Amino acid sequence: MIRRHFDGIIAWTQTRQTNGFIEAINGLFQAAKRKARGYTRFETMRTVLFLIAGKLDFSSFNPHAS
């Protein structure tokens, strides 16, 4: 098993970076896919992704926003 992952082990010892950042982006994208269900245009998916990733606070001008 170590032989199969040897290149990855060496890369980690040199950079100390994991794939956590990529997994976080993937989680945001999966959440956007769930919220944008039914929309077919990529622009809509991208807008929902930006809204989720931006964590904007809309309560200042919309008291019903949660």
C-alpha atoms as a PDB file:
ATOM      1  CA  MET A   1       0.000   0.000   0.000  1.00  0.00           C
ATOM      2  CA  ILE A   2       2.846   2.400   0.756  1.00  0.00           C
ATOM      3  CA  ARG A   3       4.364   1.672  -2.650  1.00  0.00           C
ATOM      4  CA  ARG A   4       1.103   2.605  -4.375  1.00  0.00           C
ATOM      5  CA  HIS A   5       0.886   5.935  -2.535  1.00  0.00           C
ATOM      6  CA  PHE A   6       4.595   6.700  -2.337  1.00  0.00           C
ATOM      7  CA  ASP A   7       4.431   9.732  -4.666  1.00  0.00           C
ATOM      8  CA  GLY A   8       1.586  11.236  -2.641  1.00  0.00           C
ATOM      9  CA  ILE A   9       3.407  10.637   0.629  1.00  0.00           C
ATOM     10  CA  ILE A  10       6.524  12.370  -0.693  1.00  0.00           C
ATOM     11  CA  ALA A  11       4.451  15.294  -1.999  1.00  0.00           C
ATOM     12  CA  TRP A  12       2.784  15.704   1.402  1.00  0.00           C
ATOM     13  CA  THR A  13       6.091  15.686   3.264  1.00  0.00           C
ATOM     14  CA  GLN A  14       7.379  18.428   0.969  1.00  0.00           C
ATOM     15  CA  THR A  15       4.303  20.705   0.922  1.00  0.00           C
ATOM     16  CA  ARG A  16       2.267  19.701   4.027  1.00  0.00           C
ATOM     17  CA  GLN A  17      -0.870  20.357   2.003  1.00  0.00           C
ATOM     18  CA  THR A  18      -3.897  18.125   1.874  1.00  0.00           C
ATOM     19  CA  ASN A  19      -6.869  18.033  -0.458  1.00  0.00           C
ATOM     20  CA  GLY A  20      -9.099  19.664   2.187  1.00  0.00           C
ATOM     21  CA  PHE A  21      -9.434  22.882   0.185  1.00  0.00           C
ATOM     22  CA  ILE A  22     -10.611  21.013  -2.914  1.00  0.00           C
ATOM     23  CA  GLU A  23     -13.046  18.970  -0.802  1.00  0.00           C
ATOM     24  CA  ALA A  24     -14.473  22.205   0.658  1.00  0.00           C
ATOM     25  CA  ILE A  25     -15.033  23.605  -2.829  1.00  0.00           C
ATOM     26  CA  ASN A  26     -16.659  20.319  -3.841  1.00  0.00           C
ATOM     27  CA  GLY A  27     -18.987  20.574  -0.833  1.00  0.00           C
ATOM     28  CA  LEU A  28     -20.026  24.081  -1.870  1.00  0.00           C
ATOM     29  CA  PHE A  29     -20.669  22.899  -5.405  1.00  0.00           C
ATOM     30  CA  GLN A  30     -22.766  19.958  -4.189  1.00  0.00           C
ATOM     31  CA  ALA A  31     -24.837  22.308  -1.997  1.00  0.00           C
ATOM     32  CA  ALA A  32     -25.363  24.627  -4.971  1.00  0.00           C
ATOM     33  CA  LYS A  33     -26.494  21.679  -7.093  1.00  0.00           C
ATOM     34  CA  ARG A  34     -29.084  20.769  -4.468  1.00  0.00           C
ATOM     35  CA  LYS A  35     -30.380  24.345  -4.176  1.00  0.00           C
ATOM     36  CA  ALA A  36     -30.401  24.997  -7.949  1.00  0.00           C
ATOM     37  CA  ARG A  37     -32.294  21.790  -8.669  1.00  0.00           C
ATOM     38  CA  GLY A  38     -34.448  22.128 -11.756  1.00  0.00           C
ATOM     39  CA  TYR A  39     -32.469  24.948 -13.332  1.00  0.00           C
ATOM     40  CA  THR A  40     -30.654  23.990 -16.503  1.00  0.00           C
ATOM     41  CA  ARG A  41     -28.512  27.031 -17.257  1.00  0.00           C
ATOM     42  CA  PHE A  42     -24.937  27.124 -16.025  1.00  0.00           C
ATOM     43  CA  GLU A  43     -25.288  30.829 -15.195  1.00  0.00           C
ATOM     44  CA  THR A  44     -27.980  29.974 -12.635  1.00  0.00           C
ATOM     45  CA  MET A  45     -25.781  27.316 -11.042  1.00  0.00           C
ATOM     46  CA  ARG A  46     -22.874  29.745 -10.875  1.00  0.00           C
ATOM     47  CA  THR A  47     -25.058  32.429  -9.261  1.00  0.00           C
ATOM     48  CA  VAL A  48     -26.312  30.005  -6.605  1.00  0.00           C
ATOM     49  CA  LEU A  49     -22.739  28.846  -5.973  1.00  0.00           C
ATOM     50  CA  PHE A  50     -21.563  32.433  -5.459  1.00  0.00           C
ATOM     51  CA  LEU A  51     -24.474  33.149  -3.122  1.00  0.00           C
ATOM     52  CA  ILE A  52     -23.666  30.084  -1.025  1.00  0.00           C
ATOM     53  CA  ALA A  53     -19.904  30.652  -1.001  1.00  0.00           C
ATOM     54  CA  GLY A  54     -20.232  34.376  -0.261  1.00  0.00           C
ATOM     55  CA  LYS A  55     -22.309  33.802   2.898  1.00  0.00           C
ATOM     56  CA  LEU A  56     -23.978  37.150   2.380  1.00  0.00           C
ATOM     57  CA  ASP A  57     -26.225  38.641   5.054  1.00  0.00           C
ATOM     58  CA  PHE A  58     -29.481  39.795   3.444  1.00  0.00           C
ATOM     59  CA  SER A  59     -31.213  40.558   6.762  1.00  0.00           C
ATOM     60  CA  SER A  60     -30.226  44.237   6.614  1.00  0.00           C
ATOM     61  CA  PHE A  61     -32.715  44.921   3.804  1.00  0.00           C
ATOM     62  CA  ASN A  62     -34.983  41.853   4.017  1.00  0.00           C
ATOM     63  CA  PRO A  63     -36.204  40.977   7.522  1.00  0.00           C
ATOM     64  CA  HIS A  64     -37.611  37.655   6.259  1.00  0.00           C
ATOM     65  CA  ALA A  65     -34.219  36.397   5.028  1.00  0.00           C
ATOM     66  CA  SER A  66     -32.884  33.561   7.114  1.00  0.00           C
END
